[in-house]
Amino acid sequence: MIEEKDLQAIRAIARKYQVSRVLLFGSSLSASCDSRDIDLAVEGLADADYFAFYGDLMRSLSKPVDVVDLSRASKFVEMIEREGIRLDA
């Protein structure tokens, strides 16, 4: 699992950009695994804000981050919806 300070930063940045939903997924969910990055999926992020949002995450988090847009339907997004954990802002 990721550090509390990273969780707080993710929530604050999601609020700043009025993201409606954030899901944590992938190796970041495993308590027994020290993940090398943080995998997030977001919904409600304006296209114009994507790079600013991503940049804020990169500057604020202790590990690299990957961001997936939940509005783009795919099998991968379906898996994230099933297995991800919601981080409420």
PDB file of N, CA and C in Angstrom:
ATOM      1  N   MET A   1       0.848  -1.182   0.000  1.00  0.00           N
ATOM      2  CA  MET A   1       0.000   0.000   0.000  1.00  0.00           C
ATOM      3  C   MET A   1       0.892   1.243   0.000  1.00  0.00           C
ATOM      4  N   ILE A   2       0.351   2.338  -0.454  1.00  0.00           N
ATOM      5  CA  ILE A   2       1.160   3.553  -0.537  1.00  0.00           C
ATOM      6  C   ILE A   2       1.144   4.324   0.787  1.00  0.00           C
ATOM      7  N   GLU A   3       2.081   5.228   0.928  1.00  0.00           N
ATOM      8  CA  GLU A   3       2.235   5.985   2.164  1.00  0.00           C
ATOM      9  C   GLU A   3       1.083   6.965   2.368  1.00  0.00           C
ATOM     10  N   GLU A   4       0.775   7.234   3.625  1.00  0.00           N
ATOM     11  CA  GLU A   4      -0.323   8.146   3.971  1.00  0.00           C
ATOM     12  C   GLU A   4      -0.111   9.537   3.373  1.00  0.00           C
ATOM     13  N   LYS A   5       1.137  10.015   3.361  1.00  0.00           N
ATOM     14  CA  LYS A   5       1.380  11.351   2.801  1.00  0.00           C
ATOM     15  C   LYS A   5       1.068  11.392   1.307  1.00  0.00           C
ATOM     16  N   ASP A   6       1.294  10.277   0.610  1.00  0.00           N
ATOM     17  CA  ASP A   6       0.939  10.208  -0.805  1.00  0.00           C
ATOM     18  C   ASP A   6      -0.579  10.194  -0.979  1.00  0.00           C
ATOM     19  N   LEU A   7      -1.280   9.452  -0.130  1.00  0.00           N
ATOM     20  CA  LEU A   7      -2.746   9.430  -0.189  1.00  0.00           C
ATOM     21  C   LEU A   7      -3.310  10.833   0.024  1.00  0.00           C
ATOM     22  N   GLN A   8      -2.776  11.543   0.999  1.00  0.00           N
ATOM     23  CA  GLN A   8      -3.245  12.902   1.274  1.00  0.00           C
ATOM     24  C   GLN A   8      -2.982  13.824   0.089  1.00  0.00           C
ATOM     25  N   ALA A   9      -1.820  13.688  -0.529  1.00  0.00           N
ATOM     26  CA  ALA A   9      -1.485  14.519  -1.688  1.00  0.00           C
ATOM     27  C   ALA A   9      -2.416  14.219  -2.860  1.00  0.00           C
ATOM     28  N   ILE A  10      -2.687  12.942  -3.105  1.00  0.00           N
ATOM     29  CA  ILE A  10      -3.590  12.559  -4.195  1.00  0.00           C
ATOM     30  C   ILE A  10      -4.969  13.167  -3.971  1.00  0.00           C
ATOM     31  N   ARG A  11      -5.478  13.059  -2.758  1.00  0.00           N
ATOM     32  CA  ARG A  11      -6.807  13.609  -2.444  1.00  0.00           C
ATOM     33  C   ARG A  11      -6.838  15.129  -2.641  1.00  0.00           C
ATOM     34  N   ALA A  12      -5.800  15.809  -2.179  1.00  0.00           N
ATOM     35  CA  ALA A  12      -5.755  17.271  -2.303  1.00  0.00           C
ATOM     36  C   ALA A  12      -5.696  17.700  -3.769  1.00  0.00           C
ATOM     37  N   ILE A  13      -4.892  17.024  -4.558  1.00  0.00           N
ATOM     38  CA  ILE A  13      -4.761  17.364  -5.977  1.00  0.00           C
ATOM     39  C   ILE A  13      -6.057  17.041  -6.717  1.00  0.00           C
ATOM     40  N   ALA A  14      -6.694  15.942  -6.384  1.00  0.00           N
ATOM     41  CA  ALA A  14      -7.982  15.595  -7.001  1.00  0.00           C
ATOM     42  C   ALA A  14      -9.028  16.672  -6.700  1.00  0.00           C
ATOM     43  N   ARG A  15      -9.042  17.172  -5.471  1.00  0.00           N
ATOM     44  CA  ARG A  15      -9.976  18.259  -5.120  1.00  0.00           C
ATOM     45  C   ARG A  15      -9.659  19.519  -5.923  1.00  0.00           C
ATOM     46  N   LYS A  16      -8.375  19.834  -6.037  1.00  0.00           N
ATOM     47  CA  LYS A  16      -7.950  21.037  -6.765  1.00  0.00           C
ATOM     48  C   LYS A  16      -8.477  21.033  -8.197  1.00  0.00           C
ATOM     49  N   TYR A  17      -8.449  19.867  -8.838  1.00  0.00           N
ATOM     50  CA  TYR A  17      -8.875  19.756 -10.234  1.00  0.00           C
ATOM     51  C   TYR A  17     -10.313  19.251 -10.374  1.00  0.00           C
ATOM     52  N   GLN A  18     -11.028  19.179  -9.273  1.00  0.00           N
ATOM     53  CA  GLN A  18     -12.433  18.767  -9.250  1.00  0.00           C
ATOM     54  C   GLN A  18     -12.658  17.419  -9.936  1.00  0.00           C
ATOM     55  N   VAL A  19     -11.739  16.493  -9.674  1.00  0.00           N
ATOM     56  CA  VAL A  19     -11.875  15.129 -10.187  1.00  0.00           C
ATOM     57  C   VAL A  19     -13.002  14.453  -9.413  1.00  0.00           C
ATOM     58  N   SER A  20     -13.921  13.823 -10.124  1.00  0.00           N
ATOM     59  CA  SER A  20     -15.087  13.236  -9.454  1.00  0.00           C
ATOM     60  C   SER A  20     -14.794  11.887  -8.813  1.00  0.00           C
ATOM     61  N   ARG A  21     -13.791  11.183  -9.331  1.00  0.00           N
ATOM     62  CA  ARG A  21     -13.482   9.861  -8.769  1.00  0.00           C
ATOM     63  C   ARG A  21     -12.031   9.507  -9.043  1.00  0.00           C
ATOM     64  N   VAL A  22     -11.381   8.917  -8.029  1.00  0.00           N
ATOM     65  CA  VAL A  22     -10.001   8.436  -8.155  1.00  0.00           C
ATOM     66  C   VAL A  22      -9.958   7.004  -7.643  1.00  0.00           C
ATOM     67  N   LEU A  23      -9.399   6.109  -8.440  1.00  0.00           N
ATOM     68  CA  LEU A  23      -9.214   4.718  -8.029  1.00  0.00           C
ATOM     69  C   LEU A  23      -7.727   4.402  -7.989  1.00  0.00           C
ATOM     70  N   LEU A  24      -7.318   3.743  -6.924  1.00  0.00           N
ATOM     71  CA  LEU A  24      -5.965   3.214  -6.796  1.00  0.00           C
ATOM     72  C   LEU A  24      -6.020   1.768  -7.264  1.00  0.00           C
ATOM     73  N   PHE A  25      -5.063   1.359  -8.098  1.00  0.00           N
ATOM     74  CA  PHE A  25      -5.070  -0.015  -8.597  1.00  0.00           C
ATOM     75  C   PHE A  25      -3.644  -0.512  -8.789  1.00  0.00           C
ATOM     76  N   GLY A  26      -3.534  -1.763  -9.170  1.00  0.00           N
ATOM     77  CA  GLY A  26      -2.227  -2.340  -9.468  1.00  0.00           C
ATOM     78  C   GLY A  26      -1.442  -2.713  -8.226  1.00  0.00           C
ATOM     79  N   SER A  27      -0.123  -2.712  -8.361  1.00  0.00           N
ATOM     80  CA  SER A  27       0.745  -3.165  -7.268  1.00  0.00           C
ATOM     81  C   SER A  27       0.660  -2.260  -6.043  1.00  0.00           C
ATOM     82  N   SER A  28       0.157  -1.056  -6.206  1.00  0.00           N
ATOM     83  CA  SER A  28       0.004  -0.135  -5.072  1.00  0.00           C
ATOM     84  C   SER A  28      -0.979  -0.650  -4.031  1.00  0.00           C
ATOM     85  N   LEU A  29      -1.830  -1.590  -4.405  1.00  0.00           N
ATOM     86  CA  LEU A  29      -2.831  -2.135  -3.485  1.00  0.00           C
ATOM     87  C   LEU A  29      -2.266  -3.192  -2.551  1.00  0.00           C
ATOM     88  N   SER A  30      -1.166  -3.796  -2.919  1.00  0.00           N
ATOM     89  CA  SER A  30      -0.625  -4.916  -2.159  1.00  0.00           C
ATOM     90  C   SER A  30       0.168  -4.439  -0.944  1.00  0.00           C
ATOM     91  N   ALA A  31      -0.253  -4.892   0.228  1.00  0.00           N
ATOM     92  CA  ALA A  31       0.470  -4.554   1.459  1.00  0.00           C
ATOM     93  C   ALA A  31       1.815  -5.270   1.521  1.00  0.00           C
ATOM     94  N   SER A  32       1.919  -6.410   0.851  1.00  0.00           N
ATOM     95  CA  SER A  32       3.144  -7.206   0.910  1.00  0.00           C
ATOM     96  C   SER A  32       4.150  -6.834  -0.175  1.00  0.00           C
ATOM     97  N   CYS A  33       3.756  -5.959  -1.069  1.00  0.00           N
ATOM     98  CA  CYS A  33       4.617  -5.613  -2.203  1.00  0.00           C
ATOM     99  C   CYS A  33       5.005  -4.141  -2.127  1.00  0.00           C
ATOM    100  N   ASP A  34       6.288  -3.852  -2.256  1.00  0.00           N
ATOM    101  CA  ASP A  34       6.744  -2.470  -2.304  1.00  0.00           C
ATOM    102  C   ASP A  34       6.725  -2.029  -3.761  1.00  0.00           C
ATOM    103  N   SER A  35       5.660  -1.372  -4.159  1.00  0.00           N
ATOM    104  CA  SER A  35       5.492  -0.995  -5.562  1.00  0.00           C
ATOM    105  C   SER A  35       6.495   0.082  -5.964  1.00  0.00           C
ATOM    106  N   ARG A  36       6.839   0.077  -7.232  1.00  0.00           N
ATOM    107  CA  ARG A  36       7.784   1.060  -7.757  1.00  0.00           C
ATOM    108  C   ARG A  36       7.089   2.323  -8.242  1.00  0.00           C
ATOM    109  N   ASP A  37       5.763   2.228  -8.444  1.00  0.00           N
ATOM    110  CA  ASP A  37       5.021   3.402  -8.878  1.00  0.00           C
ATOM    111  C   ASP A  37       3.625   3.385  -8.269  1.00  0.00           C
ATOM    112  N   ILE A  38       2.870   4.428  -8.544  1.00  0.00           N
ATOM    113  CA  ILE A  38       1.506   4.550  -8.050  1.00  0.00           C
ATOM    114  C   ILE A  38       0.591   4.585  -9.260  1.00  0.00           C
ATOM    115  N   ASP A  39      -0.354   3.658  -9.307  1.00  0.00           N
ATOM    116  CA  ASP A  39      -1.288   3.558 -10.426  1.00  0.00           C
ATOM    117  C   ASP A  39      -2.627   4.149 -10.019  1.00  0.00           C
ATOM    118  N   LEU A  40      -3.055   5.183 -10.750  1.00  0.00           N
ATOM    119  CA  LEU A  40      -4.318   5.846 -10.472  1.00  0.00           C
ATOM    120  C   LEU A  40      -5.192   5.861 -11.715  1.00  0.00           C
ATOM    121  N   ALA A  41      -6.489   5.768 -11.491  1.00  0.00           N
ATOM    122  CA  ALA A  41      -7.464   5.950 -12.561  1.00  0.00           C
ATOM    123  C   ALA A  41      -8.387   7.072 -12.122  1.00  0.00           C
ATOM    124  N   VAL A  42      -8.705   7.982 -13.042  1.00  0.00           N
ATOM    125  CA  VAL A  42      -9.499   9.154 -12.681  1.00  0.00           C
ATOM    126  C   VAL A  42     -10.697   9.311 -13.605  1.00  0.00           C
ATOM    127  N   GLU A  43     -11.717   9.954 -13.044  1.00  0.00           N
ATOM    128  CA  GLU A  43     -12.926  10.273 -13.801  1.00  0.00           C
ATOM    129  C   GLU A  43     -13.281  11.721 -13.503  1.00  0.00           C
ATOM    130  N   GLY A  44     -13.680  12.443 -14.530  1.00  0.00           N
ATOM    131  CA  GLY A  44     -14.120  13.817 -14.340  1.00  0.00           C
ATOM    132  C   GLY A  44     -13.023  14.855 -14.451  1.00  0.00           C
ATOM    133  N   LEU A  45     -11.872  14.470 -14.941  1.00  0.00           N
ATOM    134  CA  LEU A  45     -10.773  15.418 -15.136  1.00  0.00           C
ATOM    135  C   LEU A  45     -10.919  16.045 -16.520  1.00  0.00           C
ATOM    136  N   ALA A  46     -10.973  17.367 -16.570  1.00  0.00           N
ATOM    137  CA  ALA A  46     -11.073  18.063 -17.852  1.00  0.00           C
ATOM    138  C   ALA A  46      -9.820  17.792 -18.682  1.00  0.00           C
ATOM    139  N   ASP A  47     -10.010  17.563 -19.980  1.00  0.00           N
ATOM    140  CA  ASP A  47      -8.872  17.301 -20.867  1.00  0.00           C
ATOM    141  C   ASP A  47      -7.816  18.404 -20.769  1.00  0.00           C
ATOM    142  N   ALA A  48      -8.264  19.642 -20.658  1.00  0.00           N
ATOM    143  CA  ALA A  48      -7.341  20.781 -20.600  1.00  0.00           C
ATOM    144  C   ALA A  48      -6.491  20.777 -19.331  1.00  0.00           C
ATOM    145  N   ASP A  49      -6.934  20.059 -18.294  1.00  0.00           N
ATOM    146  CA  ASP A  49      -6.216  20.022 -17.018  1.00  0.00           C
ATOM    147  C   ASP A  49      -5.300  18.809 -16.862  1.00  0.00           C
ATOM    148  N   TYR A  50      -5.313  17.894 -17.827  1.00  0.00           N
ATOM    149  CA  TYR A  50      -4.600  16.625 -17.657  1.00  0.00           C
ATOM    150  C   TYR A  50      -3.120  16.829 -17.313  1.00  0.00           C
ATOM    151  N   PHE A  51      -2.411  17.615 -18.088  1.00  0.00           N
ATOM    152  CA  PHE A  51      -0.962  17.736 -17.877  1.00  0.00           C
ATOM    153  C   PHE A  51      -0.626  18.485 -16.589  1.00  0.00           C
ATOM    154  N   ALA A  52      -1.432  19.466 -16.228  1.00  0.00           N
ATOM    155  CA  ALA A  52      -1.215  20.162 -14.953  1.00  0.00           C
ATOM    156  C   ALA A  52      -1.472  19.210 -13.786  1.00  0.00           C
ATOM    157  N   PHE A  53      -2.536  18.420 -13.875  1.00  0.00           N
ATOM    158  CA  PHE A  53      -2.871  17.421 -12.851  1.00  0.00           C
ATOM    159  C   PHE A  53      -1.727  16.417 -12.706  1.00  0.00           C
ATOM    160  N   TYR A  54      -1.283  15.877 -13.835  1.00  0.00           N
ATOM    161  CA  TYR A  54      -0.197  14.900 -13.845  1.00  0.00           C
ATOM    162  C   TYR A  54       1.087  15.518 -13.271  1.00  0.00           C
ATOM    163  N   GLY A  55       1.386  16.735 -13.658  1.00  0.00           N
ATOM    164  CA  GLY A  55       2.578  17.411 -13.151  1.00  0.00           C
ATOM    165  C   GLY A  55       2.525  17.621 -11.645  1.00  0.00           C
ATOM    166  N   ASP A  56       1.358  18.017 -11.136  1.00  0.00           N
ATOM    167  CA  ASP A  56       1.207  18.186  -9.689  1.00  0.00           C
ATOM    168  C   ASP A  56       1.428  16.866  -8.964  1.00  0.00           C
ATOM    169  N   LEU A  57       0.896  15.787  -9.520  1.00  0.00           N
ATOM    170  CA  LEU A  57       1.110  14.467  -8.911  1.00  0.00           C
ATOM    171  C   LEU A  57       2.594  14.106  -8.913  1.00  0.00           C
ATOM    172  N   MET A  58       3.252  14.299 -10.050  1.00  0.00           N
ATOM    173  CA  MET A  58       4.675  13.945 -10.168  1.00  0.00           C
ATOM    174  C   MET A  58       5.528  14.716  -9.156  1.00  0.00           C
ATOM    175  N   ARG A  59       5.211  15.989  -8.947  1.00  0.00           N
ATOM    176  CA  ARG A  59       5.983  16.814  -8.011  1.00  0.00           C
ATOM    177  C   ARG A  59       5.668  16.489  -6.552  1.00  0.00           C
ATOM    178  N   SER A  60       4.483  15.957  -6.285  1.00  0.00           N
ATOM    179  CA  SER A  60       4.027  15.787  -4.901  1.00  0.00           C
ATOM    180  C   SER A  60       4.204  14.386  -4.335  1.00  0.00           C
ATOM    181  N   LEU A  61       4.278  13.383  -5.199  1.00  0.00           N
ATOM    182  CA  LEU A  61       4.309  12.000  -4.724  1.00  0.00           C
ATOM    183  C   LEU A  61       5.737  11.480  -4.585  1.00  0.00           C
ATOM    184  N   SER A  62       5.897  10.475  -3.732  1.00  0.00           N
ATOM    185  CA  SER A  62       7.223   9.912  -3.459  1.00  0.00           C
ATOM    186  C   SER A  62       7.680   8.914  -4.517  1.00  0.00           C
ATOM    187  N   LYS A  63       6.762   8.542  -5.425  1.00  0.00           N
ATOM    188  CA  LYS A  63       7.072   7.574  -6.483  1.00  0.00           C
ATOM    189  C   LYS A  63       6.501   8.073  -7.803  1.00  0.00           C
ATOM    190  N   PRO A  64       6.994   7.559  -8.923  1.00  0.00           N
ATOM    191  CA  PRO A  64       6.378   7.896 -10.207  1.00  0.00           C
ATOM    192  C   PRO A  64       4.907   7.478 -10.217  1.00  0.00           C
ATOM    193  N   VAL A  65       4.129   8.128 -11.059  1.00  0.00           N
ATOM    194  CA  VAL A  65       2.693   7.853 -11.108  1.00  0.00           C
ATOM    195  C   VAL A  65       2.257   7.585 -12.545  1.00  0.00           C
ATOM    196  N   ASP A  66       1.306   6.668 -12.692  1.00  0.00           N
ATOM    197  CA  ASP A  66       0.631   6.419 -13.964  1.00  0.00           C
ATOM    198  C   ASP A  66      -0.824   6.819 -13.775  1.00  0.00           C
ATOM    199  N   VAL A  67      -1.391   7.512 -14.762  1.00  0.00           N
ATOM    200  CA  VAL A  67      -2.780   7.959 -14.674  1.00  0.00           C
ATOM    201  C   VAL A  67      -3.558   7.415 -15.865  1.00  0.00           C
ATOM    202  N   VAL A  68      -4.684   6.757 -15.568  1.00  0.00           N
ATOM    203  CA  VAL A  68      -5.574   6.198 -16.583  1.00  0.00           C
ATOM    204  C   VAL A  68      -6.890   6.963 -16.530  1.00  0.00           C
ATOM    205  N   ASP A  69      -7.437   7.292 -17.688  1.00  0.00           N
ATOM    206  CA  ASP A  69      -8.722   7.985 -17.790  1.00  0.00           C
ATOM    207  C   ASP A  69      -9.841   6.951 -17.820  1.00  0.00           C
ATOM    208  N   LEU A  70     -10.697   6.973 -16.806  1.00  0.00           N
ATOM    209  CA  LEU A  70     -11.788   5.998 -16.713  1.00  0.00           C
ATOM    210  C   LEU A  70     -12.880   6.215 -17.757  1.00  0.00           C
ATOM    211  N   SER A  71     -12.910   7.372 -18.400  1.00  0.00           N
ATOM    212  CA  SER A  71     -13.960   7.631 -19.387  1.00  0.00           C
ATOM    213  C   SER A  71     -13.685   6.953 -20.727  1.00  0.00           C
ATOM    214  N   ARG A  72     -12.509   6.416 -20.889  1.00  0.00           N
ATOM    215  CA  ARG A  72     -12.151   5.728 -22.141  1.00  0.00           C
ATOM    216  C   ARG A  72     -12.388   4.226 -21.964  1.00  0.00           C
ATOM    217  N   ALA A  73     -13.505   3.760 -22.462  1.00  0.00           N
ATOM    218  CA  ALA A  73     -13.913   2.365 -22.262  1.00  0.00           C
ATOM    219  C   ALA A  73     -12.893   1.396 -22.865  1.00  0.00           C
ATOM    220  N   SER A  74     -12.539   0.386 -22.074  1.00  0.00           N
ATOM    221  CA  SER A  74     -11.641  -0.673 -22.533  1.00  0.00           C
ATOM    222  C   SER A  74     -11.694  -1.822 -21.534  1.00  0.00           C
ATOM    223  N   LYS A  75     -11.132  -2.944 -21.904  1.00  0.00           N
ATOM    224  CA  LYS A  75     -11.045  -4.084 -20.981  1.00  0.00           C
ATOM    225  C   LYS A  75     -10.187  -3.714 -19.770  1.00  0.00           C
ATOM    226  N   PHE A  76      -9.158  -2.925 -19.991  1.00  0.00           N
ATOM    227  CA  PHE A  76      -8.286  -2.484 -18.904  1.00  0.00           C
ATOM    228  C   PHE A  76      -9.075  -1.653 -17.888  1.00  0.00           C
ATOM    229  N   VAL A  77      -9.891  -0.723 -18.374  1.00  0.00           N
ATOM    230  CA  VAL A  77     -10.724   0.097 -17.490  1.00  0.00           C
ATOM    231  C   VAL A  77     -11.718  -0.780 -16.734  1.00  0.00           C
ATOM    232  N   GLU A  78     -12.280  -1.781 -17.391  1.00  0.00           N
ATOM    233  CA  GLU A  78     -13.195  -2.710 -16.714  1.00  0.00           C
ATOM    234  C   GLU A  78     -12.486  -3.415 -15.555  1.00  0.00           C
ATOM    235  N   MET A  79     -11.245  -3.837 -15.762  1.00  0.00           N
ATOM    236  CA  MET A  79     -10.470  -4.489 -14.709  1.00  0.00           C
ATOM    237  C   MET A  79     -10.215  -3.517 -13.550  1.00  0.00           C
ATOM    238  N   ILE A  80      -9.876  -2.287 -13.873  1.00  0.00           N
ATOM    239  CA  ILE A  80      -9.639  -1.280 -12.837  1.00  0.00           C
ATOM    240  C   ILE A  80     -10.910  -1.052 -12.027  1.00  0.00           C
ATOM    241  N   GLU A  81     -12.049  -0.973 -12.697  1.00  0.00           N
ATOM    242  CA  GLU A  81     -13.336  -0.770 -12.013  1.00  0.00           C
ATOM    243  C   GLU A  81     -13.614  -1.913 -11.031  1.00  0.00           C
ATOM    244  N   ARG A  82     -13.265  -3.130 -11.419  1.00  0.00           N
ATOM    245  CA  ARG A  82     -13.505  -4.299 -10.558  1.00  0.00           C
ATOM    246  C   ARG A  82     -12.536  -4.361  -9.385  1.00  0.00           C
ATOM    247  N   GLU A  83     -11.267  -4.080  -9.631  1.00  0.00           N
ATOM    248  CA  GLU A  83     -10.225  -4.346  -8.645  1.00  0.00           C
ATOM    249  C   GLU A  83      -9.703  -3.113  -7.909  1.00  0.00           C
ATOM    250  N   GLY A  84      -9.964  -1.936  -8.443  1.00  0.00           N
ATOM    251  CA  GLY A  84      -9.440  -0.718  -7.835  1.00  0.00           C
ATOM    252  C   GLY A  84     -10.153  -0.341  -6.551  1.00  0.00           C
ATOM    253  N   ILE A  85      -9.484   0.473  -5.753  1.00  0.00           N
ATOM    254  CA  ILE A  85     -10.037   0.981  -4.502  1.00  0.00           C
ATOM    255  C   ILE A  85     -10.233   2.485  -4.648  1.00  0.00           C
ATOM    256  N   ARG A  86     -11.434   2.930  -4.325  1.00  0.00           N
ATOM    257  CA  ARG A  86     -11.750   4.353  -4.460  1.00  0.00           C
ATOM    258  C   ARG A  86     -11.061   5.170  -3.366  1.00  0.00           C
ATOM    259  N   LEU A  87     -10.468   6.269  -3.796  1.00  0.00           N
ATOM    260  CA  LEU A  87      -9.875   7.232  -2.870  1.00  0.00           C
ATOM    261  C   LEU A  87     -10.765   8.466  -2.900  1.00  0.00           C
ATOM    262  N   ASP A  88     -11.538   8.668  -1.877  1.00  0.00           N
ATOM    263  CA  ASP A  88     -12.430   9.823  -1.849  1.00  0.00           C
ATOM    264  C   ASP A  88     -11.642  11.085  -1.569  1.00  0.00           C
ATOM    265  N   ALA A  89     -11.942  12.106  -2.350  1.00  0.00           N
ATOM    266  CA  ALA A  89     -11.286  13.403  -2.164  1.00  0.00           C
ATOM    267  C   ALA A  89     -11.986  14.129  -1.046  1.00  0.00           C
TER     268      ALA A  89
END
